[in-house]
Amino acid sequence: MATTTAPDSSEHDTRLSRSITTTLLFFFIVGDTLGAGIYTLVGTMATDVGGMLWLPLVIALVLALLTAGTYAELITKYPHAGGASRYADRAFDKPFVTFIIGFLMLSSGITTSAALANAFAGDYLASFFGDESLPSSVAIPVRLVFLAVLIAVNLRGVRESLSANVVFTCIEVSGLVLVIVLAAIVFGSGDGDPSRILTPASDTPLLSGAFAASITAFFSFLGFEAAANMAEEVKEPTRAYPRALFGAILTAATVYLLIALGAAIVVDPTTMAESTGPLLEVVKASGIGVPSWLFSAIALVAITNGALLFMVMASRATYGLAEVGLLPSVFGKVLEGRRTPWVAILVVGGATMAMSMIGDVSQLADTTVLLLVLVFISANVSVLVLKKKDSVDHDHFTIPSVVPVLALLASLLLLTQMESTVWLVGAGYLVVGVVLFLVARATRKREVASEGTMEDRV
């Protein structure tokens, strides 16, 4: 589906080295997508769909693939860092719209990190102490200390953060493979109950439960959109991006579906629904002798990795908005020596701590999905506008207009499943964003006026 209108000039239109191959990009997206969500939220899905965990994952996969088509066209058409906010700026040329999209992205990073901080203080950690769950008097300090450590790592530098990510990603993938292998052994030995994969929740209509659970399932697919920020460093982006993007999403989906099927066969959905460490229940129920503490440690590494990556993303997005004058300039201050955006990191860290106090894992995950679905709506509208409004002088991947239209409809359907509390938190973010935008604009006007006065005096 790539156009062939002119020689590809996108390779040279950047100051950065295009050194990322298709294979490296594929593994980057897989590592960004396969993450902590599946470790923590299988139980939440079981509440809505019983043993039919695969159904909301399939629904979420369809939405992810549709939106990935939009990103594949936009990234290869405009192979520069910036993501959805850059596409919105190009399509609408409205600073406020650009800001809101960027602010929604950084807000999603805050909410995701808060959700994962809550998950860190859940059943996986409690298994080390022999408790079913940690009391709030212990869980709250654990969350705060956990986030404080991540803030310190973030302040130290992005190189340290991303170096840790490589190791953490290998560990978290090994945990998912372990669950699949254990479930296969149980199934192969004739144990478990395969009929559960076709048994819905007894107290929830199947379709309404499936669409409600698809919000949670979609959280597990988030991460592929971050690949847009690597665009300036990819070799042959027109060829590399579609292959890596779709390949990575389908790879993640295969792993998720195998886990969903295996978990439902091995563990009763009610048991999963009552646990904040549902995959640990699979390990325990397998009876194969894998120590609970070992798998819990792997899960905690996965949760830590996800929280760290999203905090890094949110702090850099905050810094970037300050750099272009869309947030107050104080957010752009850099730490001497380490050259890290310390104000942005501390503000993001403080906001994450606050968010971890006001919602549970499921509510915060759903809020993240709300924020990013709004971003995806912007991207899908942008690609439709730019198909008519703008052309470029190099080959790029294209999709039929029906794809972003279907993605828009799917996104709107997902929004109808959001609970009122999730919308309330989302509205709160928007209010904060508008206030910060107005402060930044007023500050910029004063700076311009001051510079003009000084020039008159000279």
Protein backbone atom coordinates (compact mmCIF):
# COMPACT_ATOMS: atom_id res chain seq x y z
CA MET A 1 0.00 0.00 0.00
CA ALA A 2 2.97 2.37 -0.42
CA THR A 3 2.71 5.13 -3.00
CA THR A 4 5.42 5.51 -5.62
CA THR A 5 5.27 9.16 -6.58
CA ALA A 6 8.87 10.34 -6.29
CA PRO A 7 12.32 9.36 -5.10
CA ASP A 8 12.52 8.95 -1.35
CA SER A 9 13.97 12.11 0.21
CA SER A 10 12.93 11.29 3.75
CA GLU A 11 16.26 9.53 4.40
CA HIS A 12 18.16 12.82 4.30
CA ASP A 13 15.69 15.25 5.89
CA THR A 14 17.00 14.90 9.44
CA ARG A 15 19.97 15.91 11.61
CA LEU A 16 19.99 12.52 13.34
CA SER A 17 21.71 9.33 12.23
CA ARG A 18 19.35 6.80 10.67
CA SER A 19 20.84 3.73 12.33
CA ILE A 20 17.78 1.73 13.48
CA THR A 21 17.06 -1.27 11.26
CA THR A 22 13.69 -2.96 10.73
CA THR A 23 14.69 -5.74 13.14
CA LEU A 24 15.79 -3.34 15.87
CA LEU A 25 12.61 -1.31 15.44
CA PHE A 26 10.51 -4.48 15.67
CA PHE A 27 12.12 -5.44 18.99
CA PHE A 28 11.78 -1.88 20.30
CA ILE A 29 8.03 -1.89 19.62
CA VAL A 30 7.60 -5.42 21.00
CA GLY A 31 9.44 -4.39 24.17
CA ASP A 32 7.32 -1.26 24.47
CA THR A 33 4.02 -3.11 23.90
CA LEU A 34 4.60 -6.37 25.78
CA GLY A 35 4.57 -5.08 29.30
CA ALA A 36 3.14 -4.85 32.75
CA GLY A 37 -0.52 -4.56 31.72
CA ILE A 38 -1.02 -8.26 31.10
CA TYR A 39 0.65 -9.11 34.43
CA THR A 40 -1.89 -7.09 36.40
CA LEU A 41 -5.15 -6.78 34.47
CA VAL A 42 -6.14 -10.31 33.43
CA GLY A 43 -8.10 -10.57 36.66
CA THR A 44 -10.02 -7.37 35.92
CA MET A 45 -11.04 -8.76 32.53
CA ALA A 46 -12.16 -12.01 34.17
CA THR A 47 -14.67 -10.03 36.23
CA ASP A 48 -16.43 -8.93 33.02
CA VAL A 49 -16.03 -11.95 30.72
CA GLY A 50 -15.31 -14.94 32.95
CA GLY A 51 -13.05 -17.40 31.14
CA MET A 52 -13.53 -15.77 27.73
CA LEU A 53 -10.46 -13.59 28.26
CA TRP A 54 -9.53 -13.88 24.58
CA LEU A 55 -12.64 -11.98 23.41
CA PRO A 56 -11.81 -8.48 24.75
CA LEU A 57 -8.22 -9.00 23.61
CA VAL A 58 -9.43 -9.65 20.05
CA ILE A 59 -11.59 -6.50 20.18
CA ALA A 60 -8.64 -4.47 21.48
CA LEU A 61 -6.40 -5.98 18.79
CA VAL A 62 -8.74 -4.82 16.02
CA LEU A 63 -8.69 -1.25 17.36
CA ALA A 64 -4.90 -1.37 17.74
CA LEU A 65 -4.40 -2.58 14.15
CA LEU A 66 -6.74 0.06 12.72
CA THR A 67 -4.98 2.85 14.59
CA ALA A 68 -1.58 1.36 13.73
CA GLY A 69 -2.53 1.74 10.07
CA THR A 70 -3.04 5.45 10.66
CA TYR A 71 0.31 5.73 12.43
CA ALA A 72 2.06 3.79 9.66
CA GLU A 73 0.90 6.34 7.08
CA LEU A 74 1.65 9.40 9.22
CA ILE A 75 5.07 8.19 10.41
CA THR A 76 6.26 7.29 6.90
CA LYS A 77 4.80 10.46 5.42
CA TYR A 78 6.41 12.65 8.11
CA PRO A 79 9.40 10.63 9.43
CA HIS A 80 10.26 13.02 12.25
CA ALA A 81 9.93 12.80 16.02
CA GLY A 82 6.85 14.30 17.63
CA GLY A 83 4.02 11.83 17.24
CA ALA A 84 0.35 12.73 17.35
CA SER A 85 0.86 16.33 18.49
CA ARG A 86 3.07 16.99 15.46
CA TYR A 87 0.48 15.49 13.12
CA ALA A 88 -2.27 17.60 14.71
CA ASP A 89 -0.12 20.70 14.30
CA ARG A 90 0.41 19.91 10.63
CA ALA A 91 -3.28 19.18 10.03
CA PHE A 92 -4.87 22.04 11.99
CA ASP A 93 -2.09 24.60 12.65
CA LYS A 94 -3.66 25.49 16.01
CA PRO A 95 -1.21 25.79 18.95
CA PHE A 96 -3.93 24.97 21.48
CA VAL A 97 -4.86 21.74 19.68
CA THR A 98 -1.18 20.79 19.43
CA PHE A 99 -0.76 21.46 23.14
CA ILE A 100 -3.82 19.47 24.21
CA ILE A 101 -2.71 16.40 22.26
CA GLY A 102 0.78 16.61 23.73
CA PHE A 103 -0.64 17.18 27.21
CA LEU A 104 -2.92 14.16 26.89
CA MET A 105 0.12 12.06 25.94
CA LEU A 106 2.15 13.16 28.96
CA SER A 107 -0.90 12.78 31.22
CA SER A 108 -1.30 9.19 30.04
CA GLY A 109 2.29 8.56 31.14
CA ILE A 110 1.52 9.91 34.62
CA THR A 111 -1.63 7.82 34.99
CA THR A 112 0.03 4.65 33.70
CA SER A 113 2.92 5.03 36.12
CA ALA A 114 0.45 5.58 38.97
CA ALA A 115 -1.47 2.43 38.00
CA LEU A 116 1.73 0.41 37.94
CA ALA A 117 2.85 1.83 41.31
CA ASN A 118 -0.40 0.50 42.76
CA ALA A 119 0.18 -2.84 41.06
CA PHE A 120 3.70 -2.98 42.52
CA ALA A 121 2.22 -2.80 46.03
CA GLY A 122 -0.26 -5.61 45.26
CA ASP A 123 -0.31 -9.38 45.47
CA TYR A 124 3.01 -9.93 43.71
CA LEU A 125 4.88 -8.07 46.45
CA ALA A 126 2.65 -9.52 49.18
CA SER A 127 3.67 -13.05 48.14
CA PHE A 128 7.14 -12.40 49.57
CA PHE A 129 5.59 -11.95 53.02
CA GLY A 130 3.01 -14.73 52.85
CA ASP A 131 0.09 -12.27 52.90
CA GLU A 132 -2.93 -12.27 50.60
CA SER A 133 -2.60 -8.50 50.21
CA LEU A 134 -0.73 -5.65 51.85
CA PRO A 135 -2.69 -3.41 54.25
CA SER A 136 -3.05 0.20 53.08
CA SER A 137 -0.77 1.34 55.92
CA VAL A 138 2.01 -0.58 54.17
CA ALA A 139 0.91 -0.34 50.52
CA ILE A 140 0.83 3.47 50.43
CA PRO A 141 4.42 3.98 51.68
CA VAL A 142 5.57 1.22 49.30
CA ARG A 143 4.03 3.06 46.32
CA LEU A 144 5.66 6.34 47.33
CA VAL A 145 9.10 4.82 47.87
CA PHE A 146 8.79 2.91 44.58
CA LEU A 147 8.02 6.12 42.69
CA ALA A 148 10.75 8.04 44.52
CA VAL A 149 13.31 5.49 43.33
CA LEU A 150 12.06 5.83 39.73
CA ILE A 151 12.29 9.63 40.00
CA ALA A 152 15.91 9.28 41.14
CA VAL A 153 16.74 6.98 38.21
CA ASN A 154 15.05 9.41 35.82
CA LEU A 155 17.03 12.33 37.26
CA ARG A 156 20.26 10.41 36.80
CA GLY A 157 19.79 10.22 33.06
CA VAL A 158 17.89 8.73 30.13
CA ARG A 159 20.82 6.50 29.18
CA GLU A 160 20.65 4.77 32.55
CA SER A 161 16.86 4.50 32.24
CA LEU A 162 16.96 2.89 28.80
CA SER A 163 19.88 0.62 29.67
CA ALA A 164 17.80 -0.75 32.53
CA ASN A 165 14.91 -1.19 30.08
CA VAL A 166 16.87 -3.66 27.93
CA VAL A 167 17.50 -5.96 30.89
CA PHE A 168 14.00 -5.52 32.32
CA THR A 169 12.34 -6.31 28.98
CA CYS A 170 14.19 -9.62 28.67
CA ILE A 171 13.13 -10.57 32.20
CA GLU A 172 9.46 -9.64 31.75
CA VAL A 173 9.18 -11.54 28.45
CA SER A 174 10.67 -14.61 30.14
CA GLY A 175 7.88 -14.43 32.73
CA LEU A 176 5.19 -14.40 30.05
CA VAL A 177 6.81 -17.34 28.25
CA LEU A 178 6.94 -19.22 31.57
CA VAL A 179 3.18 -18.78 32.07
CA ILE A 180 2.47 -20.08 28.55
CA VAL A 181 4.74 -23.11 29.06
CA LEU A 182 3.21 -23.97 32.45
CA ALA A 183 -0.32 -23.69 31.05
CA ALA A 184 0.64 -25.92 28.11
CA ILE A 185 2.05 -28.56 30.47
CA VAL A 186 -1.13 -28.52 32.57
CA PHE A 187 -3.31 -28.78 29.46
CA GLY A 188 -1.13 -31.51 27.95
CA SER A 189 -1.36 -33.60 31.10
CA GLY A 190 -5.16 -33.56 30.94
CA ASP A 191 -5.62 -31.21 33.89
CA GLY A 192 -7.37 -27.85 33.89
CA ASP A 193 -10.74 -27.08 32.36
CA PRO A 194 -10.68 -26.10 28.65
CA SER A 195 -14.44 -25.48 28.67
CA ARG A 196 -13.84 -22.27 30.65
CA ILE A 197 -12.50 -20.47 27.56
CA LEU A 198 -16.08 -20.46 26.20
CA THR A 199 -17.78 -19.69 29.52
CA PRO A 200 -18.71 -16.02 30.06
CA ALA A 201 -19.22 -14.31 33.41
CA SER A 202 -22.47 -15.47 34.97
CA ASP A 203 -23.66 -12.04 36.09
CA THR A 204 -22.76 -9.93 33.03
CA PRO A 205 -24.21 -10.04 29.47
CA LEU A 206 -21.50 -11.29 27.11
CA LEU A 207 -21.33 -8.36 24.68
CA SER A 208 -21.50 -5.61 27.31
CA GLY A 209 -18.90 -7.45 29.39
CA ALA A 210 -16.63 -7.95 26.38
CA PHE A 211 -16.71 -4.28 25.37
CA ALA A 212 -16.19 -3.15 28.97
CA ALA A 213 -13.22 -5.51 29.33
CA SER A 214 -11.82 -4.36 25.97
CA ILE A 215 -10.92 -1.04 27.63
CA THR A 216 -8.69 -2.91 30.05
CA ALA A 217 -7.41 -5.17 27.27
CA PHE A 218 -6.47 -2.16 25.14
CA PHE A 219 -4.23 -0.95 27.97
CA SER A 220 -2.05 -4.00 27.30
CA PHE A 221 -1.53 -2.96 23.65
CA LEU A 222 -0.46 0.59 24.43
CA GLY A 223 3.13 1.46 23.65
CA PHE A 224 3.22 1.12 19.87
CA GLU A 225 2.38 4.83 19.50
CA ALA A 226 5.68 5.74 21.20
CA ALA A 227 7.53 4.41 18.14
CA ALA A 228 6.61 7.62 16.31
CA ASN A 229 9.30 9.40 18.33
CA MET A 230 11.99 7.12 16.82
CA ALA A 231 11.10 8.11 13.25
CA GLU A 232 14.14 10.28 12.57
CA GLU A 233 16.56 7.46 13.42
CA VAL A 234 15.08 4.61 11.34
CA LYS A 235 16.66 3.39 8.10
CA GLU A 236 14.25 3.35 5.16
CA PRO A 237 11.23 4.33 7.30
CA THR A 238 8.74 3.74 4.49
CA ARG A 239 9.77 0.09 4.32
CA ALA A 240 10.71 -0.49 7.97
CA TYR A 241 7.83 1.05 9.89
CA PRO A 242 4.84 -0.87 8.53
CA ARG A 243 6.64 -4.21 8.81
CA ALA A 244 7.92 -3.58 12.33
CA LEU A 245 4.71 -1.97 13.58
CA PHE A 246 2.22 -4.58 12.40
CA GLY A 247 4.62 -7.43 13.12
CA ALA A 248 5.17 -6.27 16.70
CA ILE A 249 1.46 -5.80 17.42
CA LEU A 250 0.62 -9.25 16.05
CA THR A 251 3.49 -10.78 18.05
CA ALA A 252 2.22 -9.16 21.25
CA ALA A 253 -1.33 -10.27 20.44
CA THR A 254 -0.18 -13.87 19.96
CA VAL A 255 1.53 -13.88 23.36
CA TYR A 256 -1.49 -12.25 25.04
CA LEU A 257 -3.98 -14.68 23.52
CA LEU A 258 -1.89 -17.69 24.54
CA ILE A 259 -1.73 -16.33 28.09
CA ALA A 260 -5.48 -15.63 28.12
CA LEU A 261 -6.31 -19.15 26.95
CA GLY A 262 -3.81 -20.76 29.29
CA ALA A 263 -4.88 -18.75 32.33
CA ALA A 264 -8.56 -19.57 31.79
CA ILE A 265 -7.81 -23.29 31.44
CA VAL A 266 -5.63 -23.48 34.56
CA VAL A 267 -7.35 -21.08 36.98
CA ASP A 268 -10.99 -20.45 37.76
CA PRO A 269 -11.95 -16.93 36.59
CA THR A 270 -13.34 -16.07 40.03
CA THR A 271 -9.91 -16.69 41.57
CA MET A 272 -8.25 -14.46 38.96
CA ALA A 273 -10.85 -11.72 39.45
CA GLU A 274 -10.07 -11.54 43.16
CA SER A 275 -6.30 -11.20 42.67
CA THR A 276 -4.08 -8.24 41.75
CA GLY A 277 -1.48 -10.83 40.73
CA PRO A 278 -3.56 -13.08 38.44
CA LEU A 279 -0.66 -14.71 36.60
CA LEU A 280 0.82 -15.73 39.94
CA GLU A 281 -2.37 -17.74 40.45
CA VAL A 282 -1.58 -19.60 37.22
CA VAL A 283 1.91 -20.45 38.46
CA LYS A 284 0.56 -21.66 41.80
CA ALA A 285 -2.26 -23.71 40.25
CA SER A 286 0.07 -25.44 37.79
CA GLY A 287 1.58 -27.42 40.66
CA ILE A 288 4.87 -27.71 38.78
CA GLY A 289 7.02 -26.32 41.55
CA VAL A 290 8.05 -22.91 40.25
CA PRO A 291 8.64 -20.81 43.40
CA SER A 292 6.01 -18.11 43.84
CA TRP A 293 8.67 -15.63 44.88
CA LEU A 294 10.57 -16.15 41.62
CA PHE A 295 7.60 -15.40 39.39
CA SER A 296 6.55 -12.52 41.64
CA ALA A 297 10.04 -11.04 41.25
CA ILE A 298 9.73 -11.28 37.45
CA ALA A 299 6.32 -9.59 37.56
CA LEU A 300 7.66 -6.80 39.77
CA VAL A 301 10.49 -6.23 37.29
CA ALA A 302 7.92 -5.95 34.48
CA ILE A 303 5.86 -3.47 36.50
CA THR A 304 8.97 -1.44 37.36
CA ASN A 305 10.06 -1.35 33.72
CA GLY A 306 6.68 -0.11 32.53
CA ALA A 307 6.44 2.57 35.19
CA LEU A 308 9.98 3.79 34.47
CA LEU A 309 9.45 4.03 30.71
CA PHE A 310 6.19 5.94 31.03
CA MET A 311 7.69 8.35 33.58
CA VAL A 312 10.59 9.01 31.21
CA MET A 313 8.14 9.61 28.36
CA ALA A 314 5.94 11.95 30.42
CA SER A 315 8.84 14.03 31.72
CA ARG A 316 10.37 14.43 28.25
CA ALA A 317 6.99 15.35 26.77
CA THR A 318 6.60 17.98 29.50
CA TYR A 319 10.05 19.35 28.74
CA GLY A 320 9.30 19.40 25.01
CA LEU A 321 6.09 21.39 25.44
CA ALA A 322 7.98 23.91 27.59
CA GLU A 323 10.72 24.20 24.96
CA VAL A 324 8.21 25.33 22.31
CA GLY A 325 6.45 27.72 24.69
CA LEU A 326 3.28 25.67 25.22
CA LEU A 327 4.02 25.12 28.93
CA PRO A 328 5.61 27.60 31.37
CA SER A 329 9.36 27.88 30.75
CA VAL A 330 10.22 26.64 34.25
CA PHE A 331 9.36 23.10 33.06
CA GLY A 332 12.27 23.35 30.62
CA LYS A 333 14.99 23.76 33.26
CA VAL A 334 17.83 21.24 32.97
CA LEU A 335 19.96 19.78 35.78
CA GLU A 336 23.61 20.85 35.50
CA GLY A 337 25.96 17.96 34.85
CA ARG A 338 23.30 15.29 34.28
CA ARG A 339 21.49 17.40 31.62
CA THR A 340 18.11 15.98 32.63
CA PRO A 341 14.88 18.08 32.78
CA TRP A 342 14.74 18.12 36.57
CA VAL A 343 11.69 20.33 37.03
CA ALA A 344 9.66 18.27 34.55
CA ILE A 345 10.82 15.04 36.22
CA LEU A 346 9.92 16.25 39.73
CA VAL A 347 6.52 17.61 38.66
CA VAL A 348 5.67 14.42 36.77
CA GLY A 349 6.86 12.36 39.73
CA GLY A 350 4.79 14.39 42.20
CA ALA A 351 1.70 14.16 40.00
CA THR A 352 2.20 10.41 39.69
CA MET A 353 2.39 10.04 43.47
CA ALA A 354 -0.83 12.02 43.83
CA MET A 355 -2.63 9.96 41.19
CA SER A 356 -1.56 6.71 42.84
CA MET A 357 -3.53 7.80 45.91
CA ILE A 358 -6.87 8.43 44.20
CA GLY A 359 -7.57 5.31 42.13
CA ASP A 360 -7.01 1.59 41.94
CA VAL A 361 -5.12 -0.20 39.15
CA SER A 362 -8.19 -0.78 36.99
CA GLN A 363 -9.53 2.79 37.24
CA LEU A 364 -6.14 4.31 36.47
CA ALA A 365 -5.60 1.92 33.54
CA ASP A 366 -9.00 2.87 32.13
CA THR A 367 -8.11 6.56 32.51
CA THR A 368 -4.93 5.97 30.53
CA VAL A 369 -6.98 4.33 27.79
CA LEU A 370 -9.39 7.31 27.76
CA LEU A 371 -6.54 9.79 27.36
CA LEU A 372 -4.84 7.81 24.59
CA VAL A 373 -8.06 7.02 22.73
CA LEU A 374 -8.59 10.80 22.53
CA VAL A 375 -5.05 11.09 21.13
CA PHE A 376 -5.80 8.32 18.62
CA ILE A 377 -8.99 10.10 17.55
CA SER A 378 -6.85 13.16 16.82
CA ALA A 379 -4.40 11.04 14.79
CA ASN A 380 -7.18 9.44 12.77
CA VAL A 381 -8.79 12.80 12.00
CA SER A 382 -5.35 14.23 11.15
CA VAL A 383 -4.59 11.51 8.60
CA LEU A 384 -7.93 12.13 6.86
CA VAL A 385 -7.27 15.88 6.72
CA LEU A 386 -3.68 15.47 5.54
CA LYS A 387 -4.66 13.04 2.77
CA LYS A 388 -6.42 15.97 1.09
CA LYS A 389 -4.43 18.89 2.44
CA ASP A 390 -0.79 17.86 2.14
CA SER A 391 1.50 15.84 -0.11
CA VAL A 392 5.19 15.02 0.23
CA ASP A 393 7.98 14.37 -2.26
CA HIS A 394 8.86 10.86 -1.15
CA ASP A 395 7.25 7.43 -1.12
CA HIS A 396 5.23 6.55 1.95
CA PHE A 397 2.85 3.89 3.23
CA THR A 398 -0.82 4.68 2.60
CA ILE A 399 -4.08 3.27 3.86
CA PRO A 400 -7.59 3.53 2.40
CA SER A 401 -9.64 6.30 4.01
CA VAL A 402 -12.03 3.69 5.36
CA VAL A 403 -9.35 2.50 7.83
CA PRO A 404 -9.14 5.71 9.92
CA VAL A 405 -12.92 6.06 9.64
CA LEU A 406 -13.35 2.58 11.13
CA ALA A 407 -10.72 3.42 13.75
CA LEU A 408 -12.69 6.54 14.67
CA LEU A 409 -15.91 4.56 15.02
CA ALA A 410 -14.16 1.92 17.13
CA SER A 411 -12.63 4.63 19.32
CA LEU A 412 -16.01 6.29 19.86
CA LEU A 413 -17.51 2.91 20.75
CA LEU A 414 -14.75 2.40 23.31
CA LEU A 415 -15.44 5.83 24.81
CA THR A 416 -19.08 4.87 25.43
CA GLN A 417 -17.87 2.10 27.75
CA MET A 418 -15.97 4.47 30.06
CA GLU A 419 -17.26 4.92 33.59
CA SER A 420 -18.19 8.39 34.86
CA THR A 421 -15.29 8.45 37.35
CA VAL A 422 -12.85 7.90 34.49
CA TRP A 423 -14.36 10.80 32.55
CA LEU A 424 -14.11 12.94 35.69
CA VAL A 425 -10.39 12.30 36.02
CA GLY A 426 -9.92 12.99 32.32
CA ALA A 427 -11.79 16.28 32.67
CA GLY A 428 -9.55 17.18 35.60
CA TYR A 429 -6.48 16.69 33.43
CA LEU A 430 -7.95 18.92 30.73
CA VAL A 431 -8.69 21.70 33.24
CA VAL A 432 -5.11 21.57 34.53
CA GLY A 433 -3.82 21.58 30.96
CA VAL A 434 -5.88 24.61 29.95
CA VAL A 435 -4.68 26.55 33.01
CA LEU A 436 -1.03 25.73 32.27
CA PHE A 437 -1.48 26.68 28.60
CA LEU A 438 -2.97 30.07 29.56
CA VAL A 439 -0.17 30.70 32.06
CA ALA A 440 2.43 29.85 29.42
CA ARG A 441 0.78 32.14 26.87
CA ALA A 442 0.53 35.04 29.34
CA THR A 443 4.17 34.57 30.37
CA ARG A 444 5.28 34.52 26.75
CA LYS A 445 3.37 37.74 26.00
CA ARG A 446 5.07 39.46 28.96
CA GLU A 447 8.48 38.26 27.78
CA VAL A 448 7.85 39.57 24.25
CA ALA A 449 6.60 42.89 25.62
CA SER A 450 9.64 43.15 27.91
CA GLU A 451 12.03 42.45 25.04
CA GLY A 452 10.30 45.10 22.96
CA THR A 453 10.62 47.68 25.77
CA MET A 454 14.34 46.93 26.19
CA GLU A 455 14.93 47.33 22.44
CA ASP A 456 13.14 50.72 22.51
CA ARG A 457 15.41 51.85 25.36
CA VAL A 458 18.51 50.81 23.45
